[in-house]
Amino acid sequence: MNVEAEMLSLVTACKGSLPPGVAEHIEDLARSGECAVALEELCNYLGETPAQYPSDLLSQMASLGSVLKVDPSYWRPLIAAASKPTE
């Protein structure tokens, strides 16, 4: 798995949900070899946005997080929010 490419793919998929400039900041982290920090930042920002994300995106996030040994507490709230029924 090319973790940098996976991380950049996640950022691209989430750009519309991120505040201005944040995607670029996270991409810079990934390109600097800080993919674990980039994933943590991405999850933190997405957690602040009241939205449900596609299950394939969340699976990709969890898979990458496992490879990078990132604490699952970063992406689990996003998965939990996605599994809640919408009103």
PDB file of N, CA and C in Angstrom:
ATOM      1  N   MET A   1       0.847  -1.183   0.000  1.00  0.00           N
ATOM      2  CA  MET A   1       0.000   0.000   0.000  1.00  0.00           C
ATOM      3  C   MET A   1       0.890   1.244   0.000  1.00  0.00           C
ATOM      4  N   ASN A   2       0.623   2.130  -0.916  1.00  0.00           N
ATOM      5  CA  ASN A   2       1.327   3.416  -0.958  1.00  0.00           C
ATOM      6  C   ASN A   2       0.551   4.367  -0.044  1.00  0.00           C
ATOM      7  N   VAL A   3       1.013   4.529   1.183  1.00  0.00           N
ATOM      8  CA  VAL A   3       0.252   5.287   2.176  1.00  0.00           C
ATOM      9  C   VAL A   3       0.101   6.754   1.797  1.00  0.00           C
ATOM     10  N   GLU A   4       1.116   7.327   1.181  1.00  0.00           N
ATOM     11  CA  GLU A   4       0.994   8.732   0.779  1.00  0.00           C
ATOM     12  C   GLU A   4      -0.106   8.889  -0.269  1.00  0.00           C
ATOM     13  N   ALA A   5      -0.121   8.018  -1.267  1.00  0.00           N
ATOM     14  CA  ALA A   5      -1.152   8.089  -2.312  1.00  0.00           C
ATOM     15  C   ALA A   5      -2.542   7.855  -1.723  1.00  0.00           C
ATOM     16  N   GLU A   6      -2.654   6.913  -0.791  1.00  0.00           N
ATOM     17  CA  GLU A   6      -3.945   6.645  -0.133  1.00  0.00           C
ATOM     18  C   GLU A   6      -4.413   7.866   0.658  1.00  0.00           C
ATOM     19  N   MET A   7      -3.492   8.478   1.369  1.00  0.00           N
ATOM     20  CA  MET A   7      -3.829   9.650   2.172  1.00  0.00           C
ATOM     21  C   MET A   7      -4.265  10.800   1.276  1.00  0.00           C
ATOM     22  N   LEU A   8      -3.547  11.028   0.209  1.00  0.00           N
ATOM     23  CA  LEU A   8      -3.904  12.102  -0.717  1.00  0.00           C
ATOM     24  C   LEU A   8      -5.251  11.829  -1.378  1.00  0.00           C
ATOM     25  N   SER A   9      -5.534  10.567  -1.638  1.00  0.00           N
ATOM     26  CA  SER A   9      -6.834  10.186  -2.201  1.00  0.00           C
ATOM     27  C   SER A   9      -7.965  10.507  -1.222  1.00  0.00           C
ATOM     28  N   LEU A  10      -7.750  10.220   0.056  1.00  0.00           N
ATOM     29  CA  LEU A  10      -8.752  10.537   1.080  1.00  0.00           C
ATOM     30  C   LEU A  10      -8.999  12.044   1.149  1.00  0.00           C
ATOM     31  N   VAL A  11      -7.932  12.812   1.133  1.00  0.00           N
ATOM     32  CA  VAL A  11      -8.072  14.268   1.207  1.00  0.00           C
ATOM     33  C   VAL A  11      -8.853  14.782   0.009  1.00  0.00           C
ATOM     34  N   THR A  12      -8.537  14.288  -1.164  1.00  0.00           N
ATOM     35  CA  THR A  12      -9.244  14.701  -2.374  1.00  0.00           C
ATOM     36  C   THR A  12     -10.731  14.400  -2.256  1.00  0.00           C
ATOM     37  N   ALA A  13     -11.062  13.232  -1.745  1.00  0.00           N
ATOM     38  CA  ALA A  13     -12.461  12.833  -1.597  1.00  0.00           C
ATOM     39  C   ALA A  13     -13.208  13.685  -0.579  1.00  0.00           C
ATOM     40  N   CYS A  14     -12.477  14.269   0.370  1.00  0.00           N
ATOM     41  CA  CYS A  14     -13.104  15.029   1.460  1.00  0.00           C
ATOM     42  C   CYS A  14     -12.998  16.539   1.308  1.00  0.00           C
ATOM     43  N   LYS A  15     -12.370  17.022   0.265  1.00  0.00           N
ATOM     44  CA  LYS A  15     -12.097  18.460   0.133  1.00  0.00           C
ATOM     45  C   LYS A  15     -13.339  19.324   0.326  1.00  0.00           C
ATOM     46  N   GLY A  16     -14.470  18.885  -0.177  1.00  0.00           N
ATOM     47  CA  GLY A  16     -15.687  19.682  -0.060  1.00  0.00           C
ATOM     48  C   GLY A  16     -16.196  19.822   1.363  1.00  0.00           C
ATOM     49  N   SER A  17     -15.726  18.974   2.263  1.00  0.00           N
ATOM     50  CA  SER A  17     -16.169  19.014   3.660  1.00  0.00           C
ATOM     51  C   SER A  17     -15.170  19.712   4.578  1.00  0.00           C
ATOM     52  N   LEU A  18     -14.081  20.193   4.011  1.00  0.00           N
ATOM     53  CA  LEU A  18     -13.026  20.802   4.823  1.00  0.00           C
ATOM     54  C   LEU A  18     -13.016  22.320   4.673  1.00  0.00           C
ATOM     55  N   PRO A  19     -12.665  23.027   5.760  1.00  0.00           N
ATOM     56  CA  PRO A  19     -12.541  24.489   5.671  1.00  0.00           C
ATOM     57  C   PRO A  19     -11.443  24.882   4.674  1.00  0.00           C
ATOM     58  N   PRO A  20     -11.514  26.095   4.157  1.00  0.00           N
ATOM     59  CA  PRO A  20     -10.498  26.563   3.205  1.00  0.00           C
ATOM     60  C   PRO A  20      -9.078  26.427   3.778  1.00  0.00           C
ATOM     61  N   GLY A  21      -8.185  25.911   2.972  1.00  0.00           N
ATOM     62  CA  GLY A  21      -6.785  25.785   3.355  1.00  0.00           C
ATOM     63  C   GLY A  21      -6.443  24.516   4.107  1.00  0.00           C
ATOM     64  N   VAL A  22      -7.427  23.839   4.669  1.00  0.00           N
ATOM     65  CA  VAL A  22      -7.155  22.659   5.479  1.00  0.00           C
ATOM     66  C   VAL A  22      -6.688  21.490   4.615  1.00  0.00           C
ATOM     67  N   ALA A  23      -7.339  21.294   3.473  1.00  0.00           N
ATOM     68  CA  ALA A  23      -6.940  20.190   2.595  1.00  0.00           C
ATOM     69  C   ALA A  23      -5.476  20.330   2.197  1.00  0.00           C
ATOM     70  N   GLU A  24      -5.074  21.539   1.865  1.00  0.00           N
ATOM     71  CA  GLU A  24      -3.690  21.778   1.466  1.00  0.00           C
ATOM     72  C   GLU A  24      -2.731  21.489   2.622  1.00  0.00           C
ATOM     73  N   HIS A  25      -3.112  21.895   3.824  1.00  0.00           N
ATOM     74  CA  HIS A  25      -2.292  21.625   5.016  1.00  0.00           C
ATOM     75  C   HIS A  25      -2.123  20.115   5.217  1.00  0.00           C
ATOM     76  N   ILE A  26      -3.216  19.379   5.104  1.00  0.00           N
ATOM     77  CA  ILE A  26      -3.170  17.924   5.305  1.00  0.00           C
ATOM     78  C   ILE A  26      -2.364  17.264   4.187  1.00  0.00           C
ATOM     79  N   GLU A  27      -2.528  17.742   2.964  1.00  0.00           N
ATOM     80  CA  GLU A  27      -1.726  17.213   1.853  1.00  0.00           C
ATOM     81  C   GLU A  27      -0.241  17.453   2.090  1.00  0.00           C
ATOM     82  N   ASP A  28       0.106  18.628   2.590  1.00  0.00           N
ATOM     83  CA  ASP A  28       1.506  18.934   2.889  1.00  0.00           C
ATOM     84  C   ASP A  28       2.065  17.969   3.934  1.00  0.00           C
ATOM     85  N   LEU A  29       1.273  17.675   4.961  1.00  0.00           N
ATOM     86  CA  LEU A  29       1.704  16.707   5.973  1.00  0.00           C
ATOM     87  C   LEU A  29       1.980  15.350   5.341  1.00  0.00           C
ATOM     88  N   ALA A  30       1.055  14.903   4.491  1.00  0.00           N
ATOM     89  CA  ALA A  30       1.209  13.597   3.845  1.00  0.00           C
ATOM     90  C   ALA A  30       2.461  13.564   2.971  1.00  0.00           C
ATOM     91  N   ARG A  31       2.660  14.613   2.198  1.00  0.00           N
ATOM     92  CA  ARG A  31       3.826  14.669   1.304  1.00  0.00           C
ATOM     93  C   ARG A  31       5.143  14.776   2.074  1.00  0.00           C
ATOM     94  N   SER A  32       5.065  15.213   3.328  1.00  0.00           N
ATOM     95  CA  SER A  32       6.263  15.333   4.172  1.00  0.00           C
ATOM     96  C   SER A  32       6.537  14.048   4.950  1.00  0.00           C
ATOM     97  N   GLY A  33       5.783  13.006   4.651  1.00  0.00           N
ATOM     98  CA  GLY A  33       5.992  11.740   5.344  1.00  0.00           C
ATOM     99  C   GLY A  33       5.254  11.630   6.662  1.00  0.00           C
ATOM    100  N   GLU A  34       4.367  12.559   6.942  1.00  0.00           N
ATOM    101  CA  GLU A  34       3.610  12.574   8.192  1.00  0.00           C
ATOM    102  C   GLU A  34       2.169  12.095   7.949  1.00  0.00           C
ATOM    103  N   CYS A  35       2.036  10.935   7.314  1.00  0.00           N
ATOM    104  CA  CYS A  35       0.700  10.450   6.952  1.00  0.00           C
ATOM    105  C   CYS A  35      -0.162  10.133   8.164  1.00  0.00           C
ATOM    106  N   ALA A  36       0.425   9.644   9.236  1.00  0.00           N
ATOM    107  CA  ALA A  36      -0.363   9.350  10.438  1.00  0.00           C
ATOM    108  C   ALA A  36      -0.945  10.645  11.009  1.00  0.00           C
ATOM    109  N   VAL A  37      -0.136  11.676  11.088  1.00  0.00           N
ATOM    110  CA  VAL A  37      -0.608  12.967  11.585  1.00  0.00           C
ATOM    111  C   VAL A  37      -1.664  13.532  10.630  1.00  0.00           C
ATOM    112  N   ALA A  38      -1.442  13.369   9.334  1.00  0.00           N
ATOM    113  CA  ALA A  38      -2.398  13.855   8.339  1.00  0.00           C
ATOM    114  C   ALA A  38      -3.751  13.167   8.516  1.00  0.00           C
ATOM    115  N   LEU A  39      -3.738  11.869   8.746  1.00  0.00           N
ATOM    116  CA  LEU A  39      -4.995  11.140   8.943  1.00  0.00           C
ATOM    117  C   LEU A  39      -5.690  11.594  10.222  1.00  0.00           C
ATOM    118  N   GLU A  40      -4.938  11.785  11.278  1.00  0.00           N
ATOM    119  CA  GLU A  40      -5.519  12.283  12.532  1.00  0.00           C
ATOM    120  C   GLU A  40      -6.169  13.642  12.316  1.00  0.00           C
ATOM    121  N   GLU A  41      -5.473  14.532  11.618  1.00  0.00           N
ATOM    122  CA  GLU A  41      -6.015  15.867  11.337  1.00  0.00           C
ATOM    123  C   GLU A  41      -7.284  15.776  10.498  1.00  0.00           C
ATOM    124  N   LEU A  42      -7.256  14.934   9.470  1.00  0.00           N
ATOM    125  CA  LEU A  42      -8.421  14.774   8.609  1.00  0.00           C
ATOM    126  C   LEU A  42      -9.620  14.292   9.417  1.00  0.00           C
ATOM    127  N   CYS A  43      -9.422  13.292  10.228  1.00  0.00           N
ATOM    128  CA  CYS A  43     -10.519  12.772  11.057  1.00  0.00           C
ATOM    129  C   CYS A  43     -11.042  13.836  12.015  1.00  0.00           C
ATOM    130  N   ASN A  44     -10.142  14.591  12.607  1.00  0.00           N
ATOM    131  CA  ASN A  44     -10.563  15.653  13.530  1.00  0.00           C
ATOM    132  C   ASN A  44     -11.433  16.680  12.822  1.00  0.00           C
ATOM    133  N   TYR A  45     -11.017  17.118  11.661  1.00  0.00           N
ATOM    134  CA  TYR A  45     -11.808  18.112  10.923  1.00  0.00           C
ATOM    135  C   TYR A  45     -13.141  17.540  10.467  1.00  0.00           C
ATOM    136  N   LEU A  46     -13.133  16.313   9.980  1.00  0.00           N
ATOM    137  CA  LEU A  46     -14.389  15.709   9.529  1.00  0.00           C
ATOM    138  C   LEU A  46     -15.349  15.497  10.696  1.00  0.00           C
ATOM    139  N   GLY A  47     -14.807  15.229  11.859  1.00  0.00           N
ATOM    140  CA  GLY A  47     -15.634  15.043  13.048  1.00  0.00           C
ATOM    141  C   GLY A  47     -16.341  16.317  13.470  1.00  0.00           C
ATOM    142  N   GLU A  48     -15.815  17.464  13.061  1.00  0.00           N
ATOM    143  CA  GLU A  48     -16.427  18.754  13.391  1.00  0.00           C
ATOM    144  C   GLU A  48     -17.517  19.143  12.392  1.00  0.00           C
ATOM    145  N   THR A  49     -17.629  18.379  11.306  1.00  0.00           N
ATOM    146  CA  THR A  49     -18.589  18.682  10.257  1.00  0.00           C
ATOM    147  C   THR A  49     -19.797  17.756  10.378  1.00  0.00           C
ATOM    148  N   PRO A  50     -20.985  18.326  10.527  1.00  0.00           N
ATOM    149  CA  PRO A  50     -22.178  17.482  10.659  1.00  0.00           C
ATOM    150  C   PRO A  50     -22.570  16.882   9.310  1.00  0.00           C
ATOM    151  N   ALA A  51     -21.929  15.766   8.982  1.00  0.00           N
ATOM    152  CA  ALA A  51     -22.209  15.096   7.717  1.00  0.00           C
ATOM    153  C   ALA A  51     -21.985  13.603   7.884  1.00  0.00           C
ATOM    154  N   GLN A  52     -22.603  12.850   7.008  1.00  0.00           N
ATOM    155  CA  GLN A  52     -22.343  11.418   6.972  1.00  0.00           C
ATOM    156  C   GLN A  52     -21.502  11.146   5.733  1.00  0.00           C
ATOM    157  N   TYR A  53     -20.499  10.325   5.904  1.00  0.00           N
ATOM    158  CA  TYR A  53     -19.568  10.046   4.827  1.00  0.00           C
ATOM    159  C   TYR A  53     -19.815   8.642   4.289  1.00  0.00           C
ATOM    160  N   PRO A  54     -19.526   8.421   3.011  1.00  0.00           N
ATOM    161  CA  PRO A  54     -19.755   7.105   2.403  1.00  0.00           C
ATOM    162  C   PRO A  54     -18.965   6.010   3.118  1.00  0.00           C
ATOM    163  N   SER A  55     -19.563   4.843   3.192  1.00  0.00           N
ATOM    164  CA  SER A  55     -18.929   3.731   3.902  1.00  0.00           C
ATOM    165  C   SER A  55     -17.599   3.325   3.269  1.00  0.00           C
ATOM    166  N   ASP A  56     -17.480   3.435   1.950  1.00  0.00           N
ATOM    167  CA  ASP A  56     -16.205   3.073   1.322  1.00  0.00           C
ATOM    168  C   ASP A  56     -15.086   4.037   1.724  1.00  0.00           C
ATOM    169  N   LEU A  57     -15.429   5.305   1.895  1.00  0.00           N
ATOM    170  CA  LEU A  57     -14.457   6.298   2.349  1.00  0.00           C
ATOM    171  C   LEU A  57     -14.026   5.993   3.788  1.00  0.00           C
ATOM    172  N   LEU A  58     -14.987   5.666   4.628  1.00  0.00           N
ATOM    173  CA  LEU A  58     -14.673   5.356   6.024  1.00  0.00           C
ATOM    174  C   LEU A  58     -13.868   4.061   6.131  1.00  0.00           C
ATOM    175  N   SER A  59     -14.152   3.097   5.283  1.00  0.00           N
ATOM    176  CA  SER A  59     -13.377   1.847   5.265  1.00  0.00           C
ATOM    177  C   SER A  59     -11.932   2.113   4.851  1.00  0.00           C
ATOM    178  N   GLN A  60     -11.765   2.979   3.851  1.00  0.00           N
ATOM    179  CA  GLN A  60     -10.424   3.344   3.399  1.00  0.00           C
ATOM    180  C   GLN A  60      -9.666   4.036   4.528  1.00  0.00           C
ATOM    181  N   MET A  61     -10.368   4.913   5.257  1.00  0.00           N
ATOM    182  CA  MET A  61      -9.770   5.621   6.380  1.00  0.00           C
ATOM    183  C   MET A  61      -9.317   4.636   7.463  1.00  0.00           C
ATOM    184  N   ALA A  62     -10.186   3.699   7.808  1.00  0.00           N
ATOM    185  CA  ALA A  62      -9.875   2.712   8.845  1.00  0.00           C
ATOM    186  C   ALA A  62      -8.726   1.807   8.407  1.00  0.00           C
ATOM    187  N   SER A  63      -8.726   1.404   7.160  1.00  0.00           N
ATOM    188  CA  SER A  63      -7.662   0.547   6.640  1.00  0.00           C
ATOM    189  C   SER A  63      -6.315   1.264   6.683  1.00  0.00           C
ATOM    190  N   LEU A  64      -6.299   2.492   6.218  1.00  0.00           N
ATOM    191  CA  LEU A  64      -5.069   3.274   6.246  1.00  0.00           C
ATOM    192  C   LEU A  64      -4.621   3.519   7.685  1.00  0.00           C
ATOM    193  N   GLY A  65      -5.575   3.816   8.557  1.00  0.00           N
ATOM    194  CA  GLY A  65      -5.253   4.038   9.960  1.00  0.00           C
ATOM    195  C   GLY A  65      -4.625   2.820  10.610  1.00  0.00           C
ATOM    196  N   SER A  66      -5.115   1.645  10.246  1.00  0.00           N
ATOM    197  CA  SER A  66      -4.543   0.409  10.792  1.00  0.00           C
ATOM    198  C   SER A  66      -3.104   0.217  10.326  1.00  0.00           C
ATOM    199  N   VAL A  67      -2.874   0.484   9.054  1.00  0.00           N
ATOM    200  CA  VAL A  67      -1.517   0.358   8.508  1.00  0.00           C
ATOM    201  C   VAL A  67      -0.570   1.343   9.193  1.00  0.00           C
ATOM    202  N   LEU A  68      -1.061   2.555   9.432  1.00  0.00           N
ATOM    203  CA  LEU A  68      -0.232   3.599  10.041  1.00  0.00           C
ATOM    204  C   LEU A  68      -0.173   3.509  11.567  1.00  0.00           C
ATOM    205  N   LYS A  69      -0.943   2.577  12.124  1.00  0.00           N
ATOM    206  CA  LYS A  69      -1.017   2.395  13.581  1.00  0.00           C
ATOM    207  C   LYS A  69      -1.546   3.642  14.291  1.00  0.00           C
ATOM    208  N   VAL A  70      -2.549   4.266  13.662  1.00  0.00           N
ATOM    209  CA  VAL A  70      -3.227   5.414  14.258  1.00  0.00           C
ATOM    210  C   VAL A  70      -4.318   4.888  15.185  1.00  0.00           C
ATOM    211  N   ASP A  71      -4.480   5.523  16.322  1.00  0.00           N
ATOM    212  CA  ASP A  71      -5.497   5.125  17.285  1.00  0.00           C
ATOM    213  C   ASP A  71      -6.881   5.155  16.614  1.00  0.00           C
ATOM    214  N   PRO A  72      -7.628   4.047  16.670  1.00  0.00           N
ATOM    215  CA  PRO A  72      -8.951   3.980  16.035  1.00  0.00           C
ATOM    216  C   PRO A  72      -9.950   5.006  16.561  1.00  0.00           C
ATOM    217  N   SER A  73      -9.674   5.606  17.695  1.00  0.00           N
ATOM    218  CA  SER A  73     -10.600   6.607  18.229  1.00  0.00           C
ATOM    219  C   SER A  73     -10.713   7.822  17.309  1.00  0.00           C
ATOM    220  N   TYR A  74      -9.806   7.946  16.357  1.00  0.00           N
ATOM    221  CA  TYR A  74      -9.895   9.053  15.411  1.00  0.00           C
ATOM    222  C   TYR A  74     -10.995   8.832  14.380  1.00  0.00           C
ATOM    223  N   TRP A  75     -11.139   7.622  13.849  1.00  0.00           N
ATOM    224  CA  TRP A  75     -12.143   7.393  12.810  1.00  0.00           C
ATOM    225  C   TRP A  75     -13.413   6.709  13.308  1.00  0.00           C
ATOM    226  N   ARG A  76     -13.387   6.076  14.455  1.00  0.00           N
ATOM    227  CA  ARG A  76     -14.589   5.379  14.948  1.00  0.00           C
ATOM    228  C   ARG A  76     -15.798   6.290  15.121  1.00  0.00           C
ATOM    229  N   PRO A  77     -15.646   7.516  15.626  1.00  0.00           N
ATOM    230  CA  PRO A  77     -16.828   8.391  15.726  1.00  0.00           C
ATOM    231  C   PRO A  77     -17.453   8.693  14.357  1.00  0.00           C
ATOM    232  N   LEU A  78     -16.635   8.774  13.322  1.00  0.00           N
ATOM    233  CA  LEU A  78     -17.163   9.007  11.982  1.00  0.00           C
ATOM    234  C   LEU A  78     -17.978   7.810  11.502  1.00  0.00           C
ATOM    235  N   ILE A  79     -17.475   6.612  11.798  1.00  0.00           N
ATOM    236  CA  ILE A  79     -18.190   5.387  11.424  1.00  0.00           C
ATOM    237  C   ILE A  79     -19.488   5.283  12.222  1.00  0.00           C
ATOM    238  N   ALA A  80     -19.438   5.603  13.508  1.00  0.00           N
ATOM    239  CA  ALA A  80     -20.639   5.554  14.344  1.00  0.00           C
ATOM    240  C   ALA A  80     -21.685   6.536  13.845  1.00  0.00           C
ATOM    241  N   ALA A  81     -21.251   7.728  13.480  1.00  0.00           N
ATOM    242  CA  ALA A  81     -22.187   8.748  12.964  1.00  0.00           C
ATOM    243  C   ALA A  81     -22.816   8.284  11.649  1.00  0.00           C
ATOM    244  N   ALA A  82     -22.043   7.602  10.833  1.00  0.00           N
ATOM    245  CA  ALA A  82     -22.553   7.136   9.539  1.00  0.00           C
ATOM    246  C   ALA A  82     -23.572   6.017   9.703  1.00  0.00           C
ATOM    247  N   SER A  83     -23.486   5.290  10.814  1.00  0.00           N
ATOM    248  CA  SER A  83     -24.409   4.165  11.001  1.00  0.00           C
ATOM    249  C   SER A  83     -25.707   4.596  11.681  1.00  0.00           C
ATOM    250  N   LYS A  84     -25.769   5.840  12.146  1.00  0.00           N
ATOM    251  CA  LYS A  84     -27.007   6.346  12.764  1.00  0.00           C
ATOM    252  C   LYS A  84     -28.033   6.636  11.674  1.00  0.00           C
ATOM    253  N   PRO A  85     -29.293   6.291  11.926  1.00  0.00           N
ATOM    254  CA  PRO A  85     -30.318   6.606  10.927  1.00  0.00           C
ATOM    255  C   PRO A  85     -30.526   8.107  10.799  1.00  0.00           C
ATOM    256  N   THR A  86     -30.745   8.550   9.586  1.00  0.00           N
ATOM    257  CA  THR A  86     -30.993   9.971   9.364  1.00  0.00           C
ATOM    258  C   THR A  86     -32.470  10.257   9.556  1.00  0.00           C
ATOM    259  N   GLU A  87     -32.754  11.462   9.995  1.00  0.00           N
ATOM    260  CA  GLU A  87     -34.157  11.834  10.230  1.00  0.00           C
ATOM    261  C   GLU A  87     -34.689  12.668   9.109  1.00  0.00           C
TER     262      GLU A  87
END
